[in-house]
Amino acid sequence: MESKYEMIIYWSSEDNAFIVEVPELPGCMADGRTYQEAVANAEKIINEWLETAKEIGRAVPQPKGKLMYA
């Protein structure tokens, strides 16, 4: 499933990895040794976040697209 949620991607020297944050989904983050790996991992984590939210009855936010503060 292709995600429509905004992803913020940056390099972390501390972690020696690319970090991906998904601001619209609280606590949803992933990492990877390469940019592509980090994005692929984020897609998996987004899907898991959405599945878990549905299972526990948590509201699933609609993707808003580009956020103004990012």
PDB file of N, CA and C in Angstrom:
ATOM      1  N   MET A   1       0.838  -1.186   0.000  1.00  0.00           N
ATOM      2  CA  MET A   1       0.000   0.000   0.000  1.00  0.00           C
ATOM      3  C   MET A   1       0.879   1.243   0.000  1.00  0.00           C
ATOM      4  N   GLU A   2       0.631   2.134  -0.898  1.00  0.00           N
ATOM      5  CA  GLU A   2       1.408   3.368  -0.975  1.00  0.00           C
ATOM      6  C   GLU A   2       0.844   4.383   0.015  1.00  0.00           C
ATOM      7  N   SER A   3       1.744   4.961   0.794  1.00  0.00           N
ATOM      8  CA  SER A   3       1.338   5.923   1.816  1.00  0.00           C
ATOM      9  C   SER A   3       1.181   7.320   1.225  1.00  0.00           C
ATOM     10  N   LYS A   4       0.233   8.044   1.746  1.00  0.00           N
ATOM     11  CA  LYS A   4       0.025   9.438   1.345  1.00  0.00           C
ATOM     12  C   LYS A   4       0.422  10.391   2.467  1.00  0.00           C
ATOM     13  N   TYR A   5       0.978   9.847   3.546  1.00  0.00           N
ATOM     14  CA  TYR A   5       1.368  10.676   4.688  1.00  0.00           C
ATOM     15  C   TYR A   5       2.725  11.319   4.442  1.00  0.00           C
ATOM     16  N   GLU A   6       2.846  12.546   4.935  1.00  0.00           N
ATOM     17  CA  GLU A   6       4.111  13.264   4.809  1.00  0.00           C
ATOM     18  C   GLU A   6       5.191  12.564   5.631  1.00  0.00           C
ATOM     19  N   MET A   7       6.395  12.475   5.059  1.00  0.00           N
ATOM     20  CA  MET A   7       7.541  11.907   5.751  1.00  0.00           C
ATOM     21  C   MET A   7       8.648  12.958   5.799  1.00  0.00           C
ATOM     22  N   ILE A   8       9.208  13.135   6.974  1.00  0.00           N
ATOM     23  CA  ILE A   8      10.360  14.022   7.136  1.00  0.00           C
ATOM     24  C   ILE A   8      11.577  13.122   7.279  1.00  0.00           C
ATOM     25  N   ILE A   9      12.555  13.295   6.393  1.00  0.00           N
ATOM     26  CA  ILE A   9      13.711  12.410   6.328  1.00  0.00           C
ATOM     27  C   ILE A   9      14.972  13.228   6.559  1.00  0.00           C
ATOM     28  N   TYR A  10      15.813  12.753   7.468  1.00  0.00           N
ATOM     29  CA  TYR A  10      17.069  13.451   7.743  1.00  0.00           C
ATOM     30  C   TYR A  10      18.142  12.463   8.173  1.00  0.00           C
ATOM     31  N   TRP A  11      19.390  12.886   8.047  1.00  0.00           N
ATOM     32  CA  TRP A  11      20.536  12.073   8.463  1.00  0.00           C
ATOM     33  C   TRP A  11      20.832  12.339   9.929  1.00  0.00           C
ATOM     34  N   SER A  12      21.043  11.284  10.693  1.00  0.00           N
ATOM     35  CA  SER A  12      21.419  11.402  12.093  1.00  0.00           C
ATOM     36  C   SER A  12      22.835  10.870  12.273  1.00  0.00           C
ATOM     37  N   SER A  13      23.767  11.777  12.553  1.00  0.00           N
ATOM     38  CA  SER A  13      25.150  11.354  12.800  1.00  0.00           C
ATOM     39  C   SER A  13      25.231  10.506  14.060  1.00  0.00           C
ATOM     40  N   GLU A  14      24.407  10.832  15.038  1.00  0.00           N
ATOM     41  CA  GLU A  14      24.394  10.089  16.300  1.00  0.00           C
ATOM     42  C   GLU A  14      24.013   8.622  16.081  1.00  0.00           C
ATOM     43  N   ASP A  15      23.023   8.392  15.220  1.00  0.00           N
ATOM     44  CA  ASP A  15      22.555   7.037  14.935  1.00  0.00           C
ATOM     45  C   ASP A  15      23.256   6.420  13.725  1.00  0.00           C
ATOM     46  N   ASN A  16      23.991   7.237  12.971  1.00  0.00           N
ATOM     47  CA  ASN A  16      24.643   6.798  11.746  1.00  0.00           C
ATOM     48  C   ASN A  16      23.617   6.159  10.804  1.00  0.00           C
ATOM     49  N   ALA A  17      22.471   6.851  10.663  1.00  0.00           N
ATOM     50  CA  ALA A  17      21.380   6.332   9.840  1.00  0.00           C
ATOM     51  C   ALA A  17      20.478   7.482   9.402  1.00  0.00           C
ATOM     52  N   PHE A  18      19.703   7.217   8.355  1.00  0.00           N
ATOM     53  CA  PHE A  18      18.644   8.137   7.964  1.00  0.00           C
ATOM     54  C   PHE A  18      17.448   7.868   8.868  1.00  0.00           C
ATOM     55  N   ILE A  19      16.816   8.920   9.332  1.00  0.00           N
ATOM     56  CA  ILE A  19      15.648   8.830  10.196  1.00  0.00           C
ATOM     57  C   ILE A  19      14.443   9.370   9.427  1.00  0.00           C
ATOM     58  N   VAL A  20      13.320   8.690   9.556  1.00  0.00           N
ATOM     59  CA  VAL A  20      12.078   9.124   8.923  1.00  0.00           C
ATOM     60  C   VAL A  20      11.042   9.325  10.025  1.00  0.00           C
ATOM     61  N   GLU A  21      10.466  10.516  10.071  1.00  0.00           N
ATOM     62  CA  GLU A  21       9.381  10.815  10.998  1.00  0.00           C
ATOM     63  C   GLU A  21       8.110  11.028  10.179  1.00  0.00           C
ATOM     64  N   VAL A  22       6.996  10.554  10.720  1.00  0.00           N
ATOM     65  CA  VAL A  22       5.691  10.722  10.076  1.00  0.00           C
ATOM     66  C   VAL A  22       4.845  11.559  11.042  1.00  0.00           C
ATOM     67  N   PRO A  23       4.870  12.887  10.901  1.00  0.00           N
ATOM     68  CA  PRO A  23       4.256  13.767  11.888  1.00  0.00           C
ATOM     69  C   PRO A  23       2.756  13.565  12.111  1.00  0.00           C
ATOM     70  N   GLU A  24       2.045  13.102  11.100  1.00  0.00           N
ATOM     71  CA  GLU A  24       0.590  12.941  11.235  1.00  0.00           C
ATOM     72  C   GLU A  24       0.198  11.695  12.021  1.00  0.00           C
ATOM     73  N   LEU A  25       1.165  10.786  12.229  1.00  0.00           N
ATOM     74  CA  LEU A  25       0.896   9.554  12.967  1.00  0.00           C
ATOM     75  C   LEU A  25       1.792   9.546  14.211  1.00  0.00           C
ATOM     76  N   PRO A  26       1.255   9.901  15.364  1.00  0.00           N
ATOM     77  CA  PRO A  26       2.059  10.037  16.578  1.00  0.00           C
ATOM     78  C   PRO A  26       2.937   8.819  16.866  1.00  0.00           C
ATOM     79  N   GLY A  27       4.225   9.088  17.064  1.00  0.00           N
ATOM     80  CA  GLY A  27       5.175   8.033  17.407  1.00  0.00           C
ATOM     81  C   GLY A  27       5.640   7.198  16.229  1.00  0.00           C
ATOM     82  N   CYS A  28       5.201   7.511  15.034  1.00  0.00           N
ATOM     83  CA  CYS A  28       5.555   6.722  13.848  1.00  0.00           C
ATOM     84  C   CYS A  28       6.883   7.204  13.285  1.00  0.00           C
ATOM     85  N   MET A  29       7.907   6.353  13.430  1.00  0.00           N
ATOM     86  CA  MET A  29       9.257   6.673  12.958  1.00  0.00           C
ATOM     87  C   MET A  29       9.919   5.404  12.447  1.00  0.00           C
ATOM     88  N   ALA A  30      10.915   5.577  11.599  1.00  0.00           N
ATOM     89  CA  ALA A  30      11.705   4.456  11.099  1.00  0.00           C
ATOM     90  C   ALA A  30      13.111   4.962  10.808  1.00  0.00           C
ATOM     91  N   ASP A  31      14.008   4.029  10.534  1.00  0.00           N
ATOM     92  CA  ASP A  31      15.362   4.409  10.150  1.00  0.00           C
ATOM     93  C   ASP A  31      15.899   3.432   9.117  1.00  0.00           C
ATOM     94  N   GLY A  32      17.073   3.749   8.596  1.00  0.00           N
ATOM     95  CA  GLY A  32      17.720   2.880   7.630  1.00  0.00           C
ATOM     96  C   GLY A  32      19.125   3.354   7.340  1.00  0.00           C
ATOM     97  N   ARG A  33      19.964   2.422   6.890  1.00  0.00           N
ATOM     98  CA  ARG A  33      21.351   2.770   6.568  1.00  0.00           C
ATOM     99  C   ARG A  33      21.456   3.622   5.311  1.00  0.00           C
ATOM    100  N   THR A  34      20.455   3.482   4.410  1.00  0.00           N
ATOM    101  CA  THR A  34      20.407   4.315   3.210  1.00  0.00           C
ATOM    102  C   THR A  34      19.069   5.048   3.189  1.00  0.00           C
ATOM    103  N   TYR A  35      19.006   6.080   2.359  1.00  0.00           N
ATOM    104  CA  TYR A  35      17.765   6.851   2.204  1.00  0.00           C
ATOM    105  C   TYR A  35      16.636   5.918   1.765  1.00  0.00           C
ATOM    106  N   GLN A  36      16.913   5.076   0.772  1.00  0.00           N
ATOM    107  CA  GLN A  36      15.895   4.186   0.228  1.00  0.00           C
ATOM    108  C   GLN A  36      15.434   3.167   1.270  1.00  0.00           C
ATOM    109  N   GLU A  37      16.364   2.636   2.053  1.00  0.00           N
ATOM    110  CA  GLU A  37      16.013   1.675   3.097  1.00  0.00           C
ATOM    111  C   GLU A  37      15.142   2.346   4.164  1.00  0.00           C
ATOM    112  N   ALA A  38      15.474   3.569   4.521  1.00  0.00           N
ATOM    113  CA  ALA A  38      14.700   4.289   5.534  1.00  0.00           C
ATOM    114  C   ALA A  38      13.271   4.519   5.056  1.00  0.00           C
ATOM    115  N   VAL A  39      13.100   4.925   3.812  1.00  0.00           N
ATOM    116  CA  VAL A  39      11.761   5.156   3.262  1.00  0.00           C
ATOM    117  C   VAL A  39      10.978   3.840   3.192  1.00  0.00           C
ATOM    118  N   ALA A  40      11.620   2.770   2.750  1.00  0.00           N
ATOM    119  CA  ALA A  40      10.958   1.466   2.685  1.00  0.00           C
ATOM    120  C   ALA A  40      10.531   1.017   4.078  1.00  0.00           C
ATOM    121  N   ASN A  41      11.404   1.205   5.063  1.00  0.00           N
ATOM    122  CA  ASN A  41      11.060   0.849   6.443  1.00  0.00           C
ATOM    123  C   ASN A  41       9.912   1.695   6.955  1.00  0.00           C
ATOM    124  N   ALA A  42       9.907   2.969   6.601  1.00  0.00           N
ATOM    125  CA  ALA A  42       8.829   3.862   7.025  1.00  0.00           C
ATOM    126  C   ALA A  42       7.491   3.412   6.437  1.00  0.00           C
ATOM    127  N   GLU A  43       7.482   3.006   5.190  1.00  0.00           N
ATOM    128  CA  GLU A  43       6.250   2.520   4.564  1.00  0.00           C
ATOM    129  C   GLU A  43       5.701   1.319   5.336  1.00  0.00           C
ATOM    130  N   LYS A  44       6.586   0.401   5.739  1.00  0.00           N
ATOM    131  CA  LYS A  44       6.153  -0.763   6.517  1.00  0.00           C
ATOM    132  C   LYS A  44       5.585  -0.335   7.861  1.00  0.00           C
ATOM    133  N   ILE A  45       6.285   0.582   8.528  1.00  0.00           N
ATOM    134  CA  ILE A  45       5.853   1.033   9.850  1.00  0.00           C
ATOM    135  C   ILE A  45       4.531   1.803   9.763  1.00  0.00           C
ATOM    136  N   ILE A  46       4.358   2.597   8.713  1.00  0.00           N
ATOM    137  CA  ILE A  46       3.084   3.304   8.518  1.00  0.00           C
ATOM    138  C   ILE A  46       1.946   2.294   8.410  1.00  0.00           C
ATOM    139  N   ASN A  47       2.136   1.275   7.596  1.00  0.00           N
ATOM    140  CA  ASN A  47       1.093   0.253   7.433  1.00  0.00           C
ATOM    141  C   ASN A  47       0.799  -0.446   8.754  1.00  0.00           C
ATOM    142  N   GLU A  48       1.845  -0.762   9.527  1.00  0.00           N
ATOM    143  CA  GLU A  48       1.653  -1.401  10.828  1.00  0.00           C
ATOM    144  C   GLU A  48       0.925  -0.456  11.794  1.00  0.00           C
ATOM    145  N   TRP A  49       1.285   0.825  11.758  1.00  0.00           N
ATOM    146  CA  TRP A  49       0.629   1.824  12.619  1.00  0.00           C
ATOM    147  C   TRP A  49      -0.855   1.859  12.305  1.00  0.00           C
ATOM    148  N   LEU A  50      -1.188   1.913  11.015  1.00  0.00           N
ATOM    149  CA  LEU A  50      -2.584   1.995  10.592  1.00  0.00           C
ATOM    150  C   LEU A  50      -3.358   0.733  10.971  1.00  0.00           C
ATOM    151  N   GLU A  51      -2.759  -0.434  10.773  1.00  0.00           N
ATOM    152  CA  GLU A  51      -3.407  -1.699  11.131  1.00  0.00           C
ATOM    153  C   GLU A  51      -3.673  -1.761  12.636  1.00  0.00           C
ATOM    154  N   THR A  52      -2.674  -1.386  13.420  1.00  0.00           N
ATOM    155  CA  THR A  52      -2.822  -1.417  14.873  1.00  0.00           C
ATOM    156  C   THR A  52      -3.898  -0.442  15.334  1.00  0.00           C
ATOM    157  N   ALA A  53      -3.903   0.753  14.760  1.00  0.00           N
ATOM    158  CA  ALA A  53      -4.913   1.752  15.128  1.00  0.00           C
ATOM    159  C   ALA A  53      -6.313   1.216  14.866  1.00  0.00           C
ATOM    160  N   LYS A  54      -6.508   0.575  13.735  1.00  0.00           N
ATOM    161  CA  LYS A  54      -7.828   0.017  13.405  1.00  0.00           C
ATOM    162  C   LYS A  54      -8.202  -1.095  14.378  1.00  0.00           C
ATOM    163  N   GLU A  55      -7.225  -1.945  14.733  1.00  0.00           N
ATOM    164  CA  GLU A  55      -7.482  -3.066  15.641  1.00  0.00           C
ATOM    165  C   GLU A  55      -7.904  -2.594  17.029  1.00  0.00           C
ATOM    166  N   ILE A  56      -7.311  -1.507  17.513  1.00  0.00           N
ATOM    167  CA  ILE A  56      -7.617  -1.045  18.870  1.00  0.00           C
ATOM    168  C   ILE A  56      -8.677   0.056  18.897  1.00  0.00           C
ATOM    169  N   GLY A  57      -9.210   0.398  17.730  1.00  0.00           N
ATOM    170  CA  GLY A  57     -10.277   1.386  17.664  1.00  0.00           C
ATOM    171  C   GLY A  57      -9.811   2.827  17.733  1.00  0.00           C
ATOM    172  N   ARG A  58      -8.554   3.068  17.432  1.00  0.00           N
ATOM    173  CA  ARG A  58      -8.019   4.435  17.429  1.00  0.00           C
ATOM    174  C   ARG A  58      -8.380   5.116  16.111  1.00  0.00           C
ATOM    175  N   ALA A  59      -8.685   6.389  16.172  1.00  0.00           N
ATOM    176  CA  ALA A  59      -9.000   7.145  14.956  1.00  0.00           C
ATOM    177  C   ALA A  59      -7.778   7.200  14.038  1.00  0.00           C
ATOM    178  N   VAL A  60      -8.006   7.010  12.769  1.00  0.00           N
ATOM    179  CA  VAL A  60      -6.935   7.076  11.773  1.00  0.00           C
ATOM    180  C   VAL A  60      -7.050   8.408  11.040  1.00  0.00           C
ATOM    181  N   PRO A  61      -6.048   9.279  11.206  1.00  0.00           N
ATOM    182  CA  PRO A  61      -6.118  10.579  10.540  1.00  0.00           C
ATOM    183  C   PRO A  61      -5.996  10.450   9.025  1.00  0.00           C
ATOM    184  N   GLN A  62      -6.722  11.296   8.326  1.00  0.00           N
ATOM    185  CA  GLN A  62      -6.595  11.370   6.864  1.00  0.00           C
ATOM    186  C   GLN A  62      -5.311  12.112   6.531  1.00  0.00           C
ATOM    187  N   PRO A  63      -4.571  11.664   5.514  1.00  0.00           N
ATOM    188  CA  PRO A  63      -3.358  12.394   5.114  1.00  0.00           C
ATOM    189  C   PRO A  63      -3.714  13.814   4.701  1.00  0.00           C
ATOM    190  N   LYS A  64      -2.934  14.772   5.171  1.00  0.00           N
ATOM    191  CA  LYS A  64      -3.194  16.178   4.876  1.00  0.00           C
ATOM    192  C   LYS A  64      -2.317  16.702   3.738  1.00  0.00           C
ATOM    193  N   GLY A  65      -1.351  15.929   3.320  1.00  0.00           N
ATOM    194  CA  GLY A  65      -0.427  16.412   2.300  1.00  0.00           C
ATOM    195  C   GLY A  65       0.654  17.262   2.924  1.00  0.00           C
ATOM    196  N   LYS A  66       1.153  18.201   2.192  1.00  0.00           N
ATOM    197  CA  LYS A  66       2.246  19.047   2.674  1.00  0.00           C
ATOM    198  C   LYS A  66       1.808  19.866   3.892  1.00  0.00           C
ATOM    199  N   LEU A  67       2.565  19.736   4.959  1.00  0.00           N
ATOM    200  CA  LEU A  67       2.290  20.515   6.162  1.00  0.00           C
ATOM    201  C   LEU A  67       3.058  21.817   6.094  1.00  0.00           C
ATOM    202  N   MET A  68       2.488  22.850   6.639  1.00  0.00           N
ATOM    203  CA  MET A  68       3.088  24.179   6.534  1.00  0.00           C
ATOM    204  C   MET A  68       4.345  24.364   7.375  1.00  0.00           C
ATOM    205  N   TYR A  69       4.501  23.616   8.468  1.00  0.00           N
ATOM    206  CA  TYR A  69       5.645  23.816   9.342  1.00  0.00           C
ATOM    207  C   TYR A  69       6.855  23.006   8.924  1.00  0.00           C
ATOM    208  N   ALA A  70       6.710  22.073   8.009  1.00  0.00           N
ATOM    209  CA  ALA A  70       7.821  21.200   7.644  1.00  0.00           C
ATOM    210  C   ALA A  70       8.741  21.859   6.652  1.00  0.00           C
TER     211      ALA A  70
END
